[in-house]
N, C-alpha and C. Protein backbone atom coordinates (compact mmCIF):
# COMPACT_ATOMS: atom_id res chain seq x y z
N MET A 1 -35.20 -25.11 3.46
CA MET A 1 -36.05 -24.00 3.66
C MET A 1 -35.12 -22.62 3.65
N GLN A 2 -33.64 -22.74 3.56
CA GLN A 2 -32.46 -21.31 3.21
C GLN A 2 -32.13 -21.39 1.70
N THR A 3 -32.99 -22.21 0.70
CA THR A 3 -32.51 -22.08 -0.93
C THR A 3 -34.42 -21.18 -1.08
N VAL A 4 -35.63 -21.20 -0.07
CA VAL A 4 -36.68 -20.79 -0.23
C VAL A 4 -36.67 -19.09 0.01
N VAL A 5 -35.83 -18.80 1.40
CA VAL A 5 -35.54 -17.95 1.69
C VAL A 5 -34.22 -16.94 0.73
N ALA A 6 -33.34 -17.91 0.86
CA ALA A 6 -32.27 -16.93 -0.28
C ALA A 6 -32.93 -16.83 -1.39
N LYS A 7 -33.64 -16.77 -2.27
CA LYS A 7 -33.94 -17.00 -3.35
C LYS A 7 -35.41 -15.92 -3.17
N GLY A 8 -36.19 -15.81 -1.96
CA GLY A 8 -37.26 -15.26 -2.21
C GLY A 8 -37.14 -14.07 -1.79
N ILE A 9 -36.42 -13.78 -1.22
CA ILE A 9 -35.90 -12.32 -0.02
C ILE A 9 -34.71 -11.87 -0.72
N THR A 10 -34.96 -10.30 -1.30
CA THR A 10 -34.14 -9.94 -1.89
C THR A 10 -33.16 -8.57 -1.27
N HIS A 11 -31.99 -8.62 -1.84
CA HIS A 11 -30.95 -7.78 -0.68
C HIS A 11 -29.72 -6.79 -1.97
N GLY A 12 -29.82 -6.12 -1.11
CA GLY A 12 -28.66 -5.17 -2.46
C GLY A 12 -27.12 -5.92 -1.67
N VAL A 13 -25.93 -5.09 -2.27
CA VAL A 13 -24.61 -5.69 -1.85
C VAL A 13 -23.74 -3.98 -1.07
N TYR A 14 -23.60 -4.03 -0.36
CA TYR A 14 -23.14 -3.52 0.07
C TYR A 14 -21.35 -3.78 1.17
N VAL A 15 -20.64 -2.41 0.97
CA VAL A 15 -19.60 -2.94 1.90
C VAL A 15 -19.71 -2.36 2.97
N ILE A 16 -19.19 -2.91 3.80
CA ILE A 16 -19.33 -1.94 5.68
C ILE A 16 -18.13 -1.72 5.48
N THR A 17 -17.71 -0.35 5.90
CA THR A 17 -16.60 0.33 6.42
C THR A 17 -16.47 0.66 7.84
N VAL A 18 -15.05 0.56 8.35
CA VAL A 18 -14.72 1.06 9.79
C VAL A 18 -13.23 1.51 9.79
N ASN A 19 -13.30 2.12 10.26
CA ASN A 19 -12.22 3.03 10.62
C ASN A 19 -12.12 3.03 12.71
N ALA A 20 -10.93 1.86 12.90
CA ALA A 20 -11.11 2.23 14.42
C ALA A 20 -9.20 2.16 14.85
N GLY A 21 -9.11 3.51 15.18
CA GLY A 21 -7.43 3.75 15.32
C GLY A 21 -7.13 3.92 14.81
N GLY A 22 -7.00 4.13 12.96
CA GLY A 22 -6.51 3.60 12.29
C GLY A 22 -5.92 2.35 11.55
N LYS A 23 -6.64 1.42 11.85
CA LYS A 23 -7.11 0.28 11.40
C LYS A 23 -8.33 0.03 10.96
N ILE A 24 -8.23 0.17 9.44
CA ILE A 24 -9.49 0.21 8.61
C ILE A 24 -9.79 -0.91 8.11
N ASN A 25 -11.15 -1.25 7.71
CA ASN A 25 -11.56 -2.53 7.05
C ASN A 25 -12.27 -2.15 6.58
N GLY A 26 -13.24 -3.48 5.45
CA GLY A 26 -14.17 -3.08 4.76
C GLY A 26 -14.83 -5.06 4.68
N MET A 27 -15.88 -5.45 4.52
CA MET A 27 -16.27 -6.21 4.27
C MET A 27 -17.65 -5.78 3.26
N THR A 28 -17.96 -7.17 2.52
CA THR A 28 -19.13 -7.70 1.69
C THR A 28 -20.20 -7.81 2.92
N ALA A 29 -21.41 -7.09 2.96
CA ALA A 29 -22.50 -7.79 3.26
C ALA A 29 -23.74 -7.70 2.33
N SER A 30 -24.77 -8.60 2.85
CA SER A 30 -26.24 -8.39 1.83
C SER A 30 -27.79 -8.15 2.95
N TRP A 31 -26.64 -8.21 4.56
CA TRP A 31 -28.14 -8.04 5.00
C TRP A 31 -27.66 -6.87 5.49
N VAL A 32 -28.50 -6.44 4.87
CA VAL A 32 -29.01 -4.21 5.94
C VAL A 32 -29.92 -4.54 5.76
N SER A 33 -30.55 -3.51 6.63
CA SER A 33 -31.98 -2.99 6.54
C SER A 33 -32.10 -1.71 7.42
N GLN A 34 -33.06 -0.81 6.92
CA GLN A 34 -33.75 0.44 7.55
C GLN A 34 -34.79 -0.11 8.52
N VAL A 35 -34.26 0.19 9.98
CA VAL A 35 -35.58 -0.16 11.02
C VAL A 35 -36.07 0.77 11.66
N SER A 36 -35.47 1.90 11.38
CA SER A 36 -36.63 2.86 11.73
C SER A 36 -36.21 4.41 11.16
N PHE A 37 -37.51 5.13 11.07
CA PHE A 37 -37.15 6.25 9.78
C PHE A 37 -37.39 7.79 11.20
N ASN A 38 -37.40 7.54 12.49
CA ASN A 38 -37.36 8.36 13.57
C ASN A 38 -37.03 8.43 15.22
N PRO A 39 -35.86 7.61 15.13
CA PRO A 39 -34.23 8.81 14.29
C PRO A 39 -33.95 7.27 13.03
N LEU A 40 -33.70 8.17 12.06
CA LEU A 40 -33.31 7.16 11.28
C LEU A 40 -32.30 6.22 11.48
N MET A 41 -32.29 4.91 11.42
CA MET A 41 -31.10 3.76 11.65
C MET A 41 -31.27 2.40 10.92
N LEU A 42 -29.90 2.02 10.72
CA LEU A 42 -29.66 1.04 9.71
C LEU A 42 -29.19 0.22 10.94
N MET A 43 -29.59 -0.86 9.92
CA MET A 43 -28.84 -2.54 10.73
C MET A 43 -28.10 -3.43 9.90
N VAL A 44 -26.98 -3.84 10.16
CA VAL A 44 -26.30 -4.60 9.14
C VAL A 44 -25.69 -5.77 10.23
N SER A 45 -26.03 -6.92 9.47
CA SER A 45 -25.76 -8.57 10.51
C SER A 45 -24.46 -8.79 9.69
N ILE A 46 -23.75 -9.07 11.27
CA ILE A 46 -21.76 -9.48 10.67
C ILE A 46 -21.94 -10.97 11.85
N ALA A 47 -21.30 -11.91 11.27
CA ALA A 47 -21.00 -13.01 12.20
C ALA A 47 -19.80 -12.53 12.82
N PRO A 48 -19.85 -13.26 14.18
CA PRO A 48 -19.11 -12.66 15.32
C PRO A 48 -17.12 -12.45 15.06
N GLY A 49 -16.95 -13.40 14.50
CA GLY A 49 -15.58 -14.23 13.78
C GLY A 49 -14.86 -12.95 13.47
N ARG A 50 -15.97 -12.04 12.30
CA ARG A 50 -15.66 -11.14 11.41
C ARG A 50 -14.75 -10.00 12.12
N TYR A 51 -13.61 -9.66 11.06
CA TYR A 51 -12.58 -8.33 12.19
C TYR A 51 -13.81 -7.28 11.88
N SER A 52 -14.32 -6.78 11.19
CA SER A 52 -15.35 -5.46 11.06
C SER A 52 -16.12 -5.93 12.42
N ASN A 53 -16.25 -7.15 12.75
CA ASN A 53 -17.06 -6.76 13.92
C ASN A 53 -17.14 -6.57 15.00
N GLU A 54 -15.00 -6.98 15.05
CA GLU A 54 -14.10 -6.42 16.23
C GLU A 54 -14.18 -4.93 16.10
N LEU A 55 -13.94 -4.55 14.77
CA LEU A 55 -13.75 -3.22 14.48
C LEU A 55 -14.68 -2.19 14.97
N ILE A 56 -15.97 -2.43 14.67
CA ILE A 56 -16.98 -1.20 14.49
C ILE A 56 -17.52 -1.56 16.48
N LYS A 57 -17.22 -2.55 17.28
CA LYS A 57 -17.26 -2.38 18.51
C LYS A 57 -16.18 -1.37 19.01
N GLU A 58 -14.81 -1.39 18.53
CA GLU A 58 -14.10 -0.69 19.00
C GLU A 58 -14.03 0.99 18.88
N SER A 59 -14.60 1.25 17.72
CA SER A 59 -14.68 2.54 16.77
C SER A 59 -15.96 3.23 17.61
N GLY A 60 -16.99 2.55 17.48
CA GLY A 60 -18.40 3.23 17.52
C GLY A 60 -19.19 3.59 16.27
N TYR A 61 -18.55 3.84 15.36
CA TYR A 61 -18.59 4.29 13.89
C TYR A 61 -19.05 3.23 12.82
N PHE A 62 -19.54 3.04 12.04
CA PHE A 62 -19.32 2.34 10.64
C PHE A 62 -20.09 2.94 9.70
N ALA A 63 -19.88 2.50 8.48
CA ALA A 63 -20.35 3.09 6.97
C ALA A 63 -20.80 2.11 6.18
N ILE A 64 -22.02 2.54 5.24
CA ILE A 64 -22.61 1.18 4.67
C ILE A 64 -22.78 1.64 3.45
N ASN A 65 -21.29 0.95 2.24
CA ASN A 65 -21.42 1.51 0.91
C ASN A 65 -22.31 0.78 0.06
N VAL A 66 -23.33 1.40 -1.06
CA VAL A 66 -23.85 1.02 -1.19
C VAL A 66 -22.88 0.69 -2.94
N LEU A 67 -23.04 -0.69 -2.98
CA LEU A 67 -22.52 -0.86 -4.71
C LEU A 67 -22.96 -0.42 -5.57
N SER A 68 -22.90 0.12 -6.89
CA SER A 68 -23.89 -0.24 -7.94
C SER A 68 -23.82 -1.17 -8.73
N ALA A 69 -24.84 -1.21 -9.10
CA ALA A 69 -24.85 -2.42 -10.53
C ALA A 69 -23.70 -2.70 -10.86
N LYS A 70 -22.79 -2.15 -10.80
CA LYS A 70 -21.68 -2.93 -12.18
C LYS A 70 -20.10 -2.85 -11.19
N GLN A 71 -20.35 -3.24 -9.95
CA GLN A 71 -19.38 -3.10 -9.23
C GLN A 71 -19.36 -4.64 -8.70
N ASP A 72 -19.76 -5.71 -9.26
CA ASP A 72 -19.17 -6.70 -8.50
C ASP A 72 -17.50 -7.09 -8.37
N GLY A 73 -16.75 -6.70 -9.71
CA GLY A 73 -15.70 -6.68 -8.52
C GLY A 73 -15.30 -6.25 -7.01
N GLU A 74 -15.67 -4.81 -7.11
CA GLU A 74 -15.29 -4.34 -5.44
C GLU A 74 -16.21 -5.34 -4.72
N ALA A 75 -17.33 -5.87 -4.63
CA ALA A 75 -17.98 -6.66 -3.97
C ALA A 75 -17.00 -7.96 -3.61
N ARG A 76 -16.52 -8.58 -5.00
CA ARG A 76 -15.54 -9.71 -4.72
C ARG A 76 -14.41 -9.33 -4.05
N LEU A 77 -13.85 -7.93 -4.12
CA LEU A 77 -12.38 -7.58 -3.17
C LEU A 77 -12.75 -7.46 -1.96
N PHE A 78 -14.09 -7.27 -1.65
CA PHE A 78 -14.34 -6.67 0.14
C PHE A 78 -14.64 -8.35 0.28
N GLY A 79 -14.93 -9.28 -0.37
CA GLY A 79 -15.81 -10.41 0.74
C GLY A 79 -14.95 -11.67 0.81
N PHE A 80 -14.13 -11.62 -0.10
CA PHE A 80 -13.60 -12.80 -0.29
C PHE A 80 -11.82 -13.37 1.24
N SER A 81 -11.72 -12.36 1.16
CA SER A 81 -10.17 -12.13 2.27
C SER A 81 -10.76 -11.25 3.54
N SER A 82 -10.01 -11.35 4.53
CA SER A 82 -10.33 -11.03 5.61
C SER A 82 -9.41 -9.85 6.14
N GLY A 83 -9.55 -8.77 6.18
CA GLY A 83 -8.71 -7.95 6.59
C GLY A 83 -7.45 -7.61 7.53
N ARG A 84 -7.55 -8.42 8.23
CA ARG A 84 -6.24 -9.38 9.04
C ARG A 84 -5.53 -9.40 8.36
N ASP A 85 -5.93 -10.04 7.32
CA ASP A 85 -4.66 -10.62 5.94
C ASP A 85 -3.74 -9.96 5.45
N VAL A 86 -4.99 -8.61 4.45
CA VAL A 86 -5.08 -8.33 3.46
C VAL A 86 -5.61 -6.53 3.76
N ASP A 87 -4.90 -5.89 2.90
CA ASP A 87 -4.99 -4.50 3.09
C ASP A 87 -6.25 -4.02 1.70
N LYS A 88 -7.47 -4.44 1.84
CA LYS A 88 -8.44 -4.15 0.82
C LYS A 88 -8.65 -3.03 0.48
N PHE A 89 -7.64 -1.99 1.16
CA PHE A 89 -8.05 -0.20 0.81
C PHE A 89 -6.44 -0.11 -0.10
N LYS A 90 -5.76 -0.78 -0.33
CA LYS A 90 -4.08 -0.34 -1.13
C LYS A 90 -4.37 0.20 -2.32
N ASN A 91 -5.65 -0.85 -2.49
CA ASN A 91 -5.94 -0.65 -4.18
C ASN A 91 -7.29 0.57 -4.79
N THR A 92 -7.67 0.80 -3.82
CA THR A 92 -9.03 1.21 -3.67
C THR A 92 -9.02 2.74 -3.06
N ALA A 93 -9.50 3.57 -4.40
CA ALA A 93 -9.81 5.04 -3.77
C ALA A 93 -10.88 5.13 -2.75
N HIS A 94 -10.31 6.07 -1.89
CA HIS A 94 -11.34 6.44 -0.63
C HIS A 94 -11.22 7.40 0.21
N PHE A 95 -12.23 7.88 0.62
CA PHE A 95 -12.17 9.38 1.70
C PHE A 95 -12.79 9.09 2.89
N LYS A 96 -12.78 9.96 3.90
CA LYS A 96 -13.44 9.26 5.26
C LYS A 96 -15.04 10.40 5.30
N ALA A 97 -15.61 9.62 6.01
CA ALA A 97 -16.90 9.77 6.40
C ALA A 97 -16.64 11.31 7.02
N PRO A 98 -17.93 12.14 7.40
CA PRO A 98 -17.72 12.98 8.50
C PRO A 98 -16.72 12.31 10.02
N ASN A 99 -16.94 11.70 10.43
CA ASN A 99 -16.56 10.15 11.83
C ASN A 99 -15.38 9.37 11.43
N GLY A 100 -14.76 9.57 10.06
CA GLY A 100 -13.37 8.87 9.87
C GLY A 100 -14.13 7.57 9.56
N SER A 101 -14.98 7.25 8.96
CA SER A 101 -15.64 6.20 7.86
C SER A 101 -14.95 6.16 6.92
N PRO A 102 -14.17 5.22 6.50
CA PRO A 102 -14.13 5.00 5.39
C PRO A 102 -14.96 4.80 4.03
N VAL A 103 -15.22 5.47 2.88
CA VAL A 103 -16.02 5.41 2.06
C VAL A 103 -15.59 5.31 0.38
N ILE A 104 -15.54 4.45 -0.09
CA ILE A 104 -15.38 4.03 -1.14
C ILE A 104 -15.89 4.75 -2.34
N GLU A 105 -14.96 5.42 -3.25
CA GLU A 105 -15.61 6.88 -3.68
C GLU A 105 -16.07 6.21 -4.99
N SER A 106 -15.59 5.32 -5.21
CA SER A 106 -17.02 4.56 -6.53
C SER A 106 -18.13 4.24 -6.24
N ALA A 107 -18.54 4.10 -4.79
CA ALA A 107 -19.46 3.76 -4.52
C ALA A 107 -20.87 4.51 -5.15
N MET A 108 -21.88 4.29 -5.18
CA MET A 108 -23.59 4.93 -5.54
C MET A 108 -23.52 6.20 -4.54
N ALA A 109 -24.09 5.35 -3.19
CA ALA A 109 -24.22 5.85 -1.92
C ALA A 109 -23.20 5.86 -0.69
N TYR A 110 -23.98 6.40 0.45
CA TYR A 110 -22.83 5.43 1.58
C TYR A 110 -23.96 6.60 2.64
N CYS A 111 -24.19 5.75 3.78
CA CYS A 111 -24.61 6.23 4.80
C CYS A 111 -23.40 5.66 6.25
N GLU A 112 -23.10 6.90 6.65
CA GLU A 112 -22.37 6.63 8.12
C GLU A 112 -22.97 6.24 9.46
N CYS A 113 -23.29 5.41 10.10
CA CYS A 113 -23.66 5.51 11.32
C CYS A 113 -23.17 5.00 12.54
N LYS A 114 -23.72 5.91 13.62
CA LYS A 114 -23.06 5.91 15.10
C LYS A 114 -24.00 4.83 15.92
N LEU A 115 -22.62 4.07 15.94
CA LEU A 115 -22.97 2.03 17.17
C LEU A 115 -23.99 2.91 17.87
N ALA A 116 -25.62 2.22 17.86
CA ALA A 116 -26.50 2.12 18.97
C ALA A 116 -26.74 1.45 19.95
N HIS A 117 -26.67 -0.17 19.19
CA HIS A 117 -27.44 -1.22 19.59
C HIS A 117 -26.36 -2.54 19.25
N VAL A 118 -25.82 -3.71 19.58
CA VAL A 118 -25.42 -4.79 19.07
C VAL A 118 -26.41 -5.97 19.48
N PHE A 119 -27.22 -6.48 19.44
CA PHE A 119 -28.45 -7.87 19.65
C PHE A 119 -27.38 -9.36 18.82
N SER A 120 -28.00 -9.98 19.67
CA SER A 120 -27.28 -11.43 19.52
C SER A 120 -28.16 -11.77 18.66
N ALA A 121 -28.34 -12.46 17.38
CA ALA A 121 -29.19 -13.23 16.76
C ALA A 121 -28.59 -14.39 15.82
N GLY A 122 -29.00 -15.42 16.54
CA GLY A 122 -28.19 -16.65 15.99
C GLY A 122 -26.99 -16.80 16.34
N ASP A 123 -26.28 -16.86 14.71
CA ASP A 123 -24.72 -16.95 14.19
C ASP A 123 -24.50 -15.79 14.22
N HIS A 124 -25.34 -14.39 13.87
CA HIS A 124 -24.78 -13.36 13.54
C HIS A 124 -25.16 -12.61 14.57
N GLU A 125 -24.70 -11.26 14.55
CA GLU A 125 -24.31 -9.64 15.63
C GLU A 125 -25.50 -8.99 14.90
N LEU A 126 -26.27 -8.33 15.62
CA LEU A 126 -27.05 -7.25 14.59
C LEU A 126 -26.96 -5.72 14.94
N PHE A 127 -25.74 -5.19 14.32
CA PHE A 127 -25.40 -3.89 14.62
C PHE A 127 -26.53 -2.48 14.44
N VAL A 128 -27.26 -1.78 15.28
CA VAL A 128 -28.03 -0.92 14.73
C VAL A 128 -27.10 0.45 15.00
N GLY A 129 -27.82 0.66 14.10
CA GLY A 129 -26.76 2.85 14.25
C GLY A 129 -27.38 3.49 13.81
N ASP A 130 -27.48 4.98 14.25
CA ASP A 130 -27.78 5.76 14.09
C ASP A 130 -27.45 6.46 12.79
N VAL A 131 -28.30 7.23 11.81
CA VAL A 131 -27.17 7.38 10.72
C VAL A 131 -26.87 9.20 11.30
N VAL A 132 -25.87 9.59 10.44
CA VAL A 132 -25.35 10.17 10.94
C VAL A 132 -24.92 10.80 10.24
N ALA A 133 -24.63 10.50 8.60
CA ALA A 133 -23.81 11.25 7.51
C ALA A 133 -24.51 10.15 6.57
N ALA A 134 -25.24 11.05 4.98
CA ALA A 134 -25.33 10.15 3.83
C ALA A 134 -25.55 10.97 2.77
N LYS A 135 -24.98 10.39 1.67
CA LYS A 135 -25.13 11.22 0.41
C LYS A 135 -24.87 9.96 -0.30
N LEU A 136 -25.58 10.53 -1.96
CA LEU A 136 -25.93 10.08 -2.86
C LEU A 136 -24.80 10.30 -4.20
N LEU A 137 -23.82 9.30 -4.24
CA LEU A 137 -22.59 9.67 -4.60
C LEU A 137 -23.09 9.94 -6.48
N LYS A 138 -23.99 8.72 -6.54
CA LYS A 138 -24.26 8.52 -8.50
C LYS A 138 -25.36 7.99 -8.60
N ASP A 139 -26.23 8.51 -9.34
CA ASP A 139 -27.52 8.09 -9.33
C ASP A 139 -27.64 6.94 -10.48
N VAL A 140 -27.42 6.20 -9.94
CA VAL A 140 -27.17 4.46 -11.07
C VAL A 140 -28.36 3.59 -10.02
N ASN A 141 -28.43 2.53 -10.35
CA ASN A 141 -28.62 1.03 -10.18
C ASN A 141 -28.14 0.56 -9.35
N PRO A 142 -28.25 -0.29 -8.38
CA PRO A 142 -27.89 -0.93 -7.07
C PRO A 142 -27.45 -2.61 -7.49
N LEU A 143 -26.00 -2.97 -6.93
CA LEU A 143 -26.02 -4.44 -7.36
C LEU A 143 -27.01 -5.37 -6.61
N LEU A 144 -27.38 -5.93 -6.76
CA LEU A 144 -28.29 -6.77 -6.11
C LEU A 144 -28.01 -8.00 -6.01
N PHE A 145 -28.24 -8.83 -5.00
CA PHE A 145 -27.24 -10.04 -4.55
C PHE A 145 -28.48 -11.26 -5.32
N ALA A 146 -27.68 -12.31 -5.99
CA ALA A 146 -28.52 -13.19 -6.27
C ALA A 146 -27.79 -14.63 -5.87
N TRP A 147 -28.48 -15.67 -5.01
CA TRP A 147 -28.38 -16.85 -4.73
C TRP A 147 -27.47 -17.63 -5.27
N ASP A 148 -28.19 -17.80 -6.78
CA ASP A 148 -27.70 -18.56 -7.70
C ASP A 148 -26.11 -18.05 -8.54
N LYS A 149 -26.04 -16.44 -8.24
CA LYS A 149 -25.12 -16.36 -8.81
C LYS A 149 -23.87 -15.76 -8.12
N PHE A 150 -24.16 -15.26 -6.85
CA PHE A 150 -23.47 -14.76 -5.84
C PHE A 150 -23.69 -12.90 -5.86
N PHE A 151 -23.26 -12.79 -7.28
CA PHE A 151 -23.31 -11.39 -7.08
C PHE A 151 -24.06 -10.80 -8.45
């Protein structure tokens, strides 16, 4: 069943970023969705053991960085190591969104969200946020997740 779901439901590739009292982190995610028009709300699914999970709860804000089709390198950088062990932003140009969430300069767009709800869902938690800032930085095609190729 997992293969049918993974191959049949398409996803973009995003880097979820957070700044909790100066501790910044980013993680690659593909389970992101809009959940409301009014108010404008987005959701990201994150496993409880992830460093970003902890930091978003501490901060109350997070940003969803939309990667372009040419950013598989960024997807791998933010997806294959923990921010507990590696400074993923050391060589990544970024700026702060209005509420302090890091935004990757090379991303095609970002949405900064204020945390509204956290729901338990199986082996993950759903972080639902009100969009408080958003900007299209580049009008290009997004990176898509492919089950067989990863990105």
